[in-house]
Each structure stands twice: as C-alpha cells, then as structure tokens.
Amino acid sequence: MNPKLKLLKFIGLLSAVACLSATTDAEASKGALQRLPDWLNAHVGAGSGEIAPKVLERARALYLEQISQGKVRNACYFAMDATRPNDLTDGPSGGRFYIICEAEQSFQAISSGHGGGRNLPGGANFANGRQCAKNFGNAFNSNLTAGGAYLTSEIKTSFKGYYNVSSKQDAFLTRSFVQFDGIGETANARQRAIGGHASALVSGICMMKNPNSPFADRDGYVPRGKLITYAGGRSDGCTSWSPSETPQVLSVVKDNPTTLYIYPESKDIAAVSQAVAAGQSPSRLGLYWNPSCLQEIGAPKFWAKETLEPIIAKYGQDHPAPPPRPVPICKGSP
C-alpha cells in the first residue's frame, strides 16, 4: 500500500477510536490496555527499555485526542517517564523517552535528562540529583521538569561556538531546539523556554579572531571553548537527548508537530507523596512511581508556580546577579 494512504488509513482509524472515550479514569485505563495492539503491548512493563502502562495509556490518549481534533497528523508520538532512573539508552534501565510510531509498528526508548532544579540558600531547595528526580514544577526560572501534555512546535537552530577536535583543527556546534507548547498545567512552557535539544554545549568560552567565519561578529570574533556532552545529565527543565539520538527525534517532528506526554503530573506526585507519608505502598493503591527512584528520593514534591515564583523572585532581589563581564579574548588571538 502507498505509504501516504497507509498513514491516512491509520489516522482515520485512530480518530474513530478516539471518539469512543471512556467515562471514568479507571474505565479509560482498562479500555486503553484492551485496545493496545499486540506488538505495542509487548513493550509494556517495568523492564529495561519498556514503558509503564500508565505512561503509555496517557500518552496514547493525548495523541488520540489531538488526532481527533485535527491538531496533529503525525504518525508518531512521544512519551517520557521522569520517574525512571536517568540512564543512557544502553544503561541498566534503558531509556525513558519513548518514540512510538504505530503505523510502522515501531517503538524505541532513548535517554533523556530531567530538570536539575535549583538550591536557593535561605529560600528553598528544589534541586534534583542526576539519577532520580524528586522535585517537579512549572515555575518560571525553576529549572524543573513539569509533567503533563505538550505539543511540539517550531525547530530553531543556533550556533553555540567553536571547539577543538585536534591540535590543528576546530569544529563548531550548532544545536537545534524543539519548542514545546503546553496544555493545562504546562501552558507556560513557551514562556519558560521549555523544549527539547541535544545534551551538548560549548563551555569555557573565549573570543577567537576568525573574520572568515559565517558566525563572526562585527569585529571578526567567534566564541570558542570546550565541547561538553552530558547525556544522562540534568537540564534547565528541558528534555535533553544524547547528541547521537537527537537527529532521529528532530526528523520525526520537522514540519510535522506531534504530542509529548511527560509523566508524572502534579496529581500523581501528590497521591504518591500522600501514600508514602501514610506508610502505604503506592503500587498497592494503584499508583505508579518507579520503585528504585522512589527508594532513592523518599517522596516526590511538586512546586506550583504560584508558590515557587515569589520565592525565586525574592531570592533574585536579595541576590542580584553581578554585572556582566566582557568575554575574554582567546590566548594567541589578535
């Protein structure tokens, strides 16, 4: 069958299924599992590279909803389980960012970083470790991951700087950024500059004379530093993928938006925290959190923007940033 006809037929089928919405969360969950095709159901679980049932159910429901509303026509959709350990794709627990293309019967789990948060002495400590995320939130300047529904939007590519690859050769880094538009609790994603990008940057910048570079400033200088890749590391609240896997993600959404569902939402965090505080097992109550990360963090916390933004603003007033310094000229550069 022609690939385009196959895609249209598949989207039409999904649209019809989306109209058969359940009346309760429990029924929706049960119905979603029953409707899963066998090939996709084989990827559901808690093992390495697998996706938790609740994460897939919600990601698929969001995708079906947006398909039925005509907002998305992409044959693929994304999901992320931010309760899982932050491992590399070939790590012990596998990746936690999922690329699901049902028309092609394709499922892939890749690595993805979570928001590192911040520690504001005298204000609040909402920092996260590298392996497991304890703190989540949607506050501006919080550097936290906010779970919930997103739509991918435009892709912007920017120059980050030159770096050394050998004693006689430099290369340069450009990094593409996929803007996310949030829905509901994540509606301020664009304001927060939340999106997805490769986990790579150029650090320790100095200015090097290179007037022939297309990236040179009016004085003929370009930034130069050291290439840092941090796959398996933390971000400023964005979704970060390994540099080797980023091109695949970009190819899925270039000029073709799709949905991204990030678990957990604030309601999940509240329910799990309450269960832990009461000495109960979240899983026995029908709640989901990755067990190894729950053991590490104790209990998760959601920082609502209404609570956290005033704290961040006051800290900024009490600790103003020093005036910016000019970037130094690289040694040996005229």
Protein backbone atom coordinates (compact mmCIF):
# COMPACT_ATOMS: atom_id res chain seq x y z
CA MET A 1 0.00 0.00 0.00
CA ASN A 2 1.14 3.55 -0.72
CA PRO A 3 2.79 4.93 2.49
CA LYS A 4 0.63 8.07 2.43
CA LEU A 5 -2.56 6.03 2.04
CA LYS A 6 -1.40 3.75 4.85
CA LEU A 7 -0.86 6.76 7.11
CA LEU A 8 -4.24 8.29 6.24
CA LYS A 9 -5.98 4.98 6.89
CA PHE A 10 -4.19 4.63 10.23
CA ILE A 11 -5.03 8.18 11.32
CA GLY A 12 -8.65 7.64 10.34
CA LEU A 13 -8.79 4.52 12.48
CA LEU A 14 -7.25 6.32 15.45
CA SER A 15 -9.71 9.18 15.08
CA ALA A 16 -12.59 6.75 15.22
CA VAL A 17 -11.15 5.07 18.30
CA ALA A 18 -10.60 8.44 19.98
CA CYS A 19 -14.30 9.19 19.73
CA LEU A 20 -15.05 6.12 21.86
CA SER A 21 -13.81 7.83 25.02
CA ALA A 22 -14.33 6.21 28.41
CA THR A 23 -16.41 7.82 31.13
CA THR A 24 -14.05 7.31 34.07
CA ASP A 25 -10.27 7.17 34.55
CA ALA A 26 -10.47 3.51 35.58
CA GLU A 27 -12.53 2.58 32.55
CA ALA A 28 -10.25 4.62 30.30
CA SER A 29 -7.22 2.76 31.65
CA LYS A 30 -8.81 -0.62 31.16
CA GLY A 31 -10.07 0.29 27.70
CA ALA A 32 -6.69 1.64 26.62
CA LEU A 33 -4.97 -1.60 27.59
CA GLN A 34 -7.59 -3.68 25.82
CA ARG A 35 -7.16 -1.66 22.63
CA LEU A 36 -3.36 -1.92 22.53
CA PRO A 37 -2.11 -3.89 19.54
CA ASP A 38 -0.10 -6.97 20.45
CA TRP A 39 3.19 -5.60 19.09
CA LEU A 40 2.90 -2.48 21.29
CA ASN A 41 1.69 -4.39 24.33
CA ALA A 42 4.93 -6.38 24.15
CA HIS A 43 6.83 -3.20 25.11
CA VAL A 44 4.73 -2.50 28.21
CA GLY A 45 6.32 -3.23 31.56
CA ALA A 46 8.92 -2.15 34.09
CA GLY A 47 11.96 -3.74 32.47
CA SER A 48 14.84 -2.17 30.59
CA GLY A 49 13.59 -0.17 27.62
CA GLU A 50 9.94 -0.82 28.48
CA ILE A 51 7.17 1.71 29.15
CA ALA A 52 4.94 1.69 32.23
CA PRO A 53 1.23 1.03 31.49
CA LYS A 54 0.02 4.33 32.96
CA VAL A 55 2.56 6.36 30.98
CA LEU A 56 1.60 4.72 27.70
CA GLU A 57 -2.13 4.99 28.40
CA ARG A 58 -1.94 8.74 28.96
CA ALA A 59 0.49 9.38 26.10
CA ARG A 60 -1.73 7.45 23.71
CA ALA A 61 -4.90 9.13 24.99
CA LEU A 62 -3.35 12.58 24.43
CA TYR A 63 -2.27 11.60 20.93
CA LEU A 64 -5.71 10.20 20.04
CA GLU A 65 -7.38 13.34 21.37
CA GLN A 66 -5.18 15.66 19.31
CA ILE A 67 -5.62 13.46 16.22
CA SER A 68 -9.41 13.58 16.60
CA GLN A 69 -9.29 17.38 16.93
CA GLY A 70 -7.19 17.70 13.79
CA LYS A 71 -4.29 19.35 15.62
CA VAL A 72 -1.86 16.53 14.84
CA ARG A 73 -1.41 14.32 11.78
CA ASN A 74 1.96 12.81 12.64
CA ALA A 75 2.08 9.00 12.63
CA CYS A 76 4.36 9.06 15.68
CA TYR A 77 4.06 10.41 19.22
CA PHE A 78 6.34 10.83 22.23
CA ALA A 79 6.23 9.93 25.91
CA MET A 80 8.62 10.37 28.82
CA ASP A 81 8.69 8.69 32.22
CA ALA A 82 10.53 11.11 34.51
CA THR A 83 10.13 8.75 37.48
CA ARG A 84 12.59 6.28 35.97
CA PRO A 85 16.36 6.46 36.56
CA ASN A 86 18.27 8.78 34.26
CA ASP A 87 20.24 6.10 32.43
CA LEU A 88 21.80 6.12 29.00
CA THR A 89 19.92 4.18 26.34
CA ASP A 90 22.18 1.16 26.87
CA GLY A 91 22.18 1.59 30.66
CA PRO A 92 20.68 -0.76 33.27
CA SER A 93 17.12 0.56 32.99
CA GLY A 94 17.33 1.69 29.38
CA GLY A 95 15.97 4.97 28.10
CA ARG A 96 12.92 6.79 29.43
CA PHE A 97 11.92 8.89 26.41
CA TYR A 98 9.76 6.94 24.00
CA ILE A 99 9.22 7.32 20.25
CA ILE A 100 6.11 5.40 19.24
CA CYS A 101 5.05 5.07 15.59
CA GLU A 102 2.04 2.78 15.46
CA ALA A 103 1.56 2.84 11.69
CA GLU A 104 5.08 1.43 11.31
CA GLN A 105 4.79 -0.73 14.45
CA SER A 106 7.90 0.99 15.77
CA PHE A 107 8.81 1.55 19.44
CA GLN A 108 12.07 2.98 20.74
CA ALA A 109 13.30 4.07 24.16
CA ILE A 110 16.16 6.59 24.33
CA SER A 111 17.87 8.52 27.11
CA SER A 112 16.60 11.88 28.31
CA GLY A 113 17.64 14.27 31.06
CA HIS A 114 15.37 15.87 33.66
CA GLY A 115 15.38 19.37 35.11
CA GLY A 116 18.12 19.90 37.68
CA GLY A 117 16.14 22.43 39.73
CA ARG A 118 17.91 24.92 42.00
CA ASN A 119 19.09 25.34 45.58
CA LEU A 120 18.40 28.86 46.85
CA PRO A 121 20.11 29.21 50.26
CA GLY A 122 17.73 30.89 52.66
CA GLY A 123 14.89 30.45 50.18
CA ALA A 124 14.12 26.91 49.09
CA ASN A 125 15.98 23.82 47.96
CA PHE A 126 14.32 22.17 44.98
CA ALA A 127 17.43 20.72 43.37
CA ASN A 128 17.48 17.26 41.82
CA GLY A 129 20.19 14.65 41.72
CA ARG A 130 21.48 13.25 38.45
CA GLN A 131 19.94 9.80 38.71
CA CYS A 132 16.40 10.40 40.00
CA ALA A 133 14.12 13.43 40.04
CA LYS A 134 12.47 14.28 43.35
CA ASN A 135 11.27 17.82 42.59
CA PHE A 136 8.96 18.85 39.76
CA GLY A 137 7.25 22.12 38.94
CA ASN A 138 6.09 24.68 36.41
CA ALA A 139 7.56 27.87 37.91
CA PHE A 140 9.47 30.34 35.76
CA ASN A 141 13.26 30.16 36.35
CA SER A 142 12.89 27.00 38.43
CA ASN A 143 14.81 24.68 36.05
CA LEU A 144 12.30 21.95 36.93
CA THR A 145 10.56 19.42 34.73
CA ALA A 146 6.78 19.82 34.57
CA GLY A 147 4.83 16.69 33.74
CA GLY A 148 1.74 16.77 31.57
CA ALA A 149 0.67 17.36 27.98
CA TYR A 150 2.67 19.11 25.29
CA LEU A 151 2.61 19.68 21.54
CA THR A 152 5.86 20.03 19.62
CA SER A 153 6.21 23.23 17.64
CA GLU A 154 8.89 25.01 15.61
CA ILE A 155 12.55 23.99 15.49
CA LYS A 156 15.20 26.69 15.91
CA THR A 157 18.88 26.02 15.24
CA SER A 158 21.53 28.27 16.80
CA PHE A 159 25.32 28.50 16.75
CA LYS A 160 26.95 27.67 20.10
CA GLY A 161 30.66 28.07 19.37
CA TYR A 162 33.84 26.52 18.06
CA TYR A 163 35.76 23.78 19.87
CA ASN A 164 39.00 21.90 19.34
CA VAL A 165 38.94 18.43 17.75
CA SER A 166 42.70 18.09 17.15
CA SER A 167 45.89 20.11 17.53
CA LYS A 168 45.29 21.72 14.14
CA GLN A 169 41.56 21.57 13.65
CA ASP A 170 38.47 23.21 15.13
CA ALA A 171 34.83 22.31 14.60
CA PHE A 172 31.70 24.20 15.55
CA LEU A 173 28.49 23.24 17.32
CA THR A 174 25.03 24.22 16.18
CA ARG A 175 22.17 22.98 18.32
CA SER A 176 18.54 22.58 17.31
CA PHE A 177 15.80 23.35 19.82
CA VAL A 178 12.26 21.97 19.50
CA GLN A 179 9.82 24.35 21.18
CA PHE A 180 7.09 22.71 23.28
CA ASP A 181 3.65 24.27 23.72
CA GLY A 182 1.98 23.09 26.90
CA ILE A 183 -1.62 22.28 27.73
CA GLY A 184 -3.16 22.88 31.16
CA GLU A 185 -0.54 22.91 33.93
CA THR A 186 2.21 23.09 31.33
CA ALA A 187 0.62 26.02 29.44
CA ASN A 188 3.54 28.32 30.30
CA ALA A 189 6.08 26.08 28.53
CA ARG A 190 6.85 28.68 25.87
CA GLN A 191 7.27 31.41 28.50
CA ARG A 192 9.69 29.10 30.34
CA ALA A 193 11.51 28.30 27.07
CA ILE A 194 10.78 24.61 27.57
CA GLY A 195 11.53 22.27 24.70
CA GLY A 196 13.91 19.57 23.59
CA HIS A 197 17.53 19.66 22.42
CA ALA A 198 20.75 17.67 22.29
CA SER A 199 22.69 17.35 25.53
CA ALA A 200 25.71 19.25 24.22
CA LEU A 201 27.17 22.73 24.74
CA VAL A 202 30.38 24.70 24.37
CA SER A 203 31.76 25.76 27.75
CA GLY A 204 34.62 27.97 28.96
CA ILE A 205 34.10 30.48 26.16
CA CYS A 206 36.71 32.93 24.92
CA MET A 207 36.61 35.02 21.74
CA MET A 208 38.80 33.91 18.83
CA LYS A 209 39.66 36.01 15.77
CA ASN A 210 38.12 34.34 12.73
CA PRO A 211 36.81 37.01 10.35
CA ASN A 212 36.10 34.46 7.60
CA SER A 213 33.62 32.54 9.73
CA PRO A 214 29.94 32.99 8.85
CA PHE A 215 29.35 33.24 12.61
CA ALA A 216 31.83 36.08 13.21
CA ASP A 217 30.65 39.25 14.93
CA ARG A 218 31.21 42.74 13.51
CA ASP A 219 34.78 42.72 14.82
CA GLY A 220 35.55 39.32 13.28
CA TYR A 221 35.47 37.28 16.51
CA VAL A 222 33.74 33.97 17.26
CA PRO A 223 33.18 32.15 20.58
CA ARG A 224 35.48 29.20 21.21
CA GLY A 225 35.55 26.76 24.11
CA LYS A 226 35.36 23.10 25.09
CA LEU A 227 32.66 20.76 23.82
CA ILE A 228 30.69 19.25 26.70
CA THR A 229 28.21 16.42 26.16
CA TYR A 230 26.03 15.45 29.10
CA ALA A 231 23.81 12.58 28.00
CA GLY A 232 22.47 11.11 31.23
CA GLY A 233 22.86 14.51 32.90
CA ARG A 234 20.45 17.23 34.02
CA SER A 235 18.94 20.13 32.12
CA ASP A 236 17.43 23.53 32.87
CA GLY A 237 13.96 21.98 32.72
CA CYS A 238 14.06 20.98 29.07
CA THR A 239 14.06 17.49 27.61
CA SER A 240 17.62 16.71 26.54
CA TRP A 241 18.61 13.80 24.30
CA SER A 242 22.03 12.36 23.52
CA PRO A 243 23.68 14.05 20.51
CA SER A 244 23.66 10.77 18.57
CA GLU A 245 19.92 10.20 19.08
CA THR A 246 18.71 13.79 18.66
CA PRO A 247 18.62 13.73 14.82
CA GLN A 248 16.07 10.92 14.91
CA VAL A 249 13.78 12.91 17.21
CA LEU A 250 14.12 16.02 15.06
CA SER A 251 13.31 14.08 11.90
CA VAL A 252 10.02 12.91 13.41
CA VAL A 253 8.73 16.41 14.17
CA LYS A 254 10.30 18.58 11.45
CA ASP A 255 7.35 20.50 9.93
CA ASN A 256 5.05 17.87 11.44
CA PRO A 257 4.02 18.51 15.07
CA THR A 258 3.07 15.73 17.42
CA THR A 259 2.25 15.12 21.07
CA LEU A 260 4.53 14.58 24.04
CA TYR A 261 3.25 13.32 27.36
CA ILE A 262 5.59 13.58 30.35
CA TYR A 263 4.78 11.60 33.49
CA PRO A 264 4.21 12.47 36.38
CA GLU A 265 1.64 15.23 36.69
CA SER A 266 1.08 17.17 39.91
CA LYS A 267 -1.88 14.92 40.84
CA ASP A 268 0.35 11.84 40.61
CA ILE A 269 3.04 13.46 42.73
CA ALA A 270 0.50 14.46 45.39
CA ALA A 271 -1.03 10.98 45.51
CA VAL A 272 2.32 9.20 45.78
CA SER A 273 3.56 11.64 48.44
CA GLN A 274 0.41 11.12 50.50
CA ALA A 275 0.77 7.35 50.26
CA VAL A 276 4.41 7.48 51.37
CA ALA A 277 3.55 9.82 54.26
CA ALA A 278 0.86 7.37 55.39
CA GLY A 279 3.28 4.46 55.26
CA GLN A 280 1.42 2.82 52.39
CA SER A 281 2.75 1.24 49.23
CA PRO A 282 1.85 3.44 46.24
CA SER A 283 1.72 0.45 43.89
CA ARG A 284 -0.78 -1.35 46.12
CA LEU A 285 -3.01 1.71 45.88
CA GLY A 286 -2.88 1.60 42.09
CA LEU A 287 -0.39 4.47 41.88
CA TYR A 288 2.76 4.44 39.80
CA TRP A 289 6.32 5.53 40.53
CA ASN A 290 9.47 3.74 39.51
CA PRO A 291 10.42 1.70 42.63
CA SER A 292 14.19 2.24 42.51
CA CYS A 293 13.84 6.01 42.19
CA LEU A 294 11.14 6.16 44.86
CA GLN A 295 13.51 4.38 47.23
CA GLU A 296 16.23 6.91 46.42
CA ILE A 297 14.15 10.11 46.76
CA GLY A 298 11.86 9.08 49.62
CA ALA A 299 8.88 11.09 48.36
CA PRO A 300 8.41 13.40 45.38
CA LYS A 301 7.29 17.02 45.56
CA PHE A 302 5.52 19.33 43.11
CA TRP A 303 6.32 23.04 43.34
CA ALA A 304 3.42 25.03 41.91
CA LYS A 305 4.34 28.26 40.17
CA GLU A 306 2.01 30.22 42.46
CA THR A 307 4.13 29.13 45.44
CA LEU A 308 7.61 28.99 43.97
CA GLU A 309 7.77 32.02 41.67
CA PRO A 310 7.54 34.55 44.56
CA ILE A 311 10.35 32.69 46.35
CA ILE A 312 12.54 32.77 43.24
CA ALA A 313 11.75 36.44 42.63
CA LYS A 314 12.63 37.41 46.22
CA TYR A 315 15.88 35.45 46.04
CA GLY A 316 16.75 37.31 42.85
CA GLN A 317 16.08 40.65 44.54
CA ASP A 318 18.19 39.71 47.56
CA HIS A 319 21.00 38.25 45.45
CA PRO A 320 21.28 40.35 42.28
CA ALA A 321 23.48 38.92 39.55
CA PRO A 322 26.86 40.63 39.15
CA PRO A 323 27.24 42.94 36.15
CA PRO A 324 28.17 41.02 33.00
CA ARG A 325 31.85 40.84 32.17
CA PRO A 326 33.22 41.00 28.64
CA VAL A 327 34.13 37.59 27.24
CA PRO A 328 37.95 37.28 27.28
CA ILE A 329 40.00 37.09 24.10
CA CYS A 330 41.47 33.63 23.46
CA LYS A 331 45.22 33.30 24.04
CA GLY A 332 47.15 33.73 20.82
CA SER A 333 44.26 35.51 19.14
CA PRO A 334 44.95 39.09 17.91
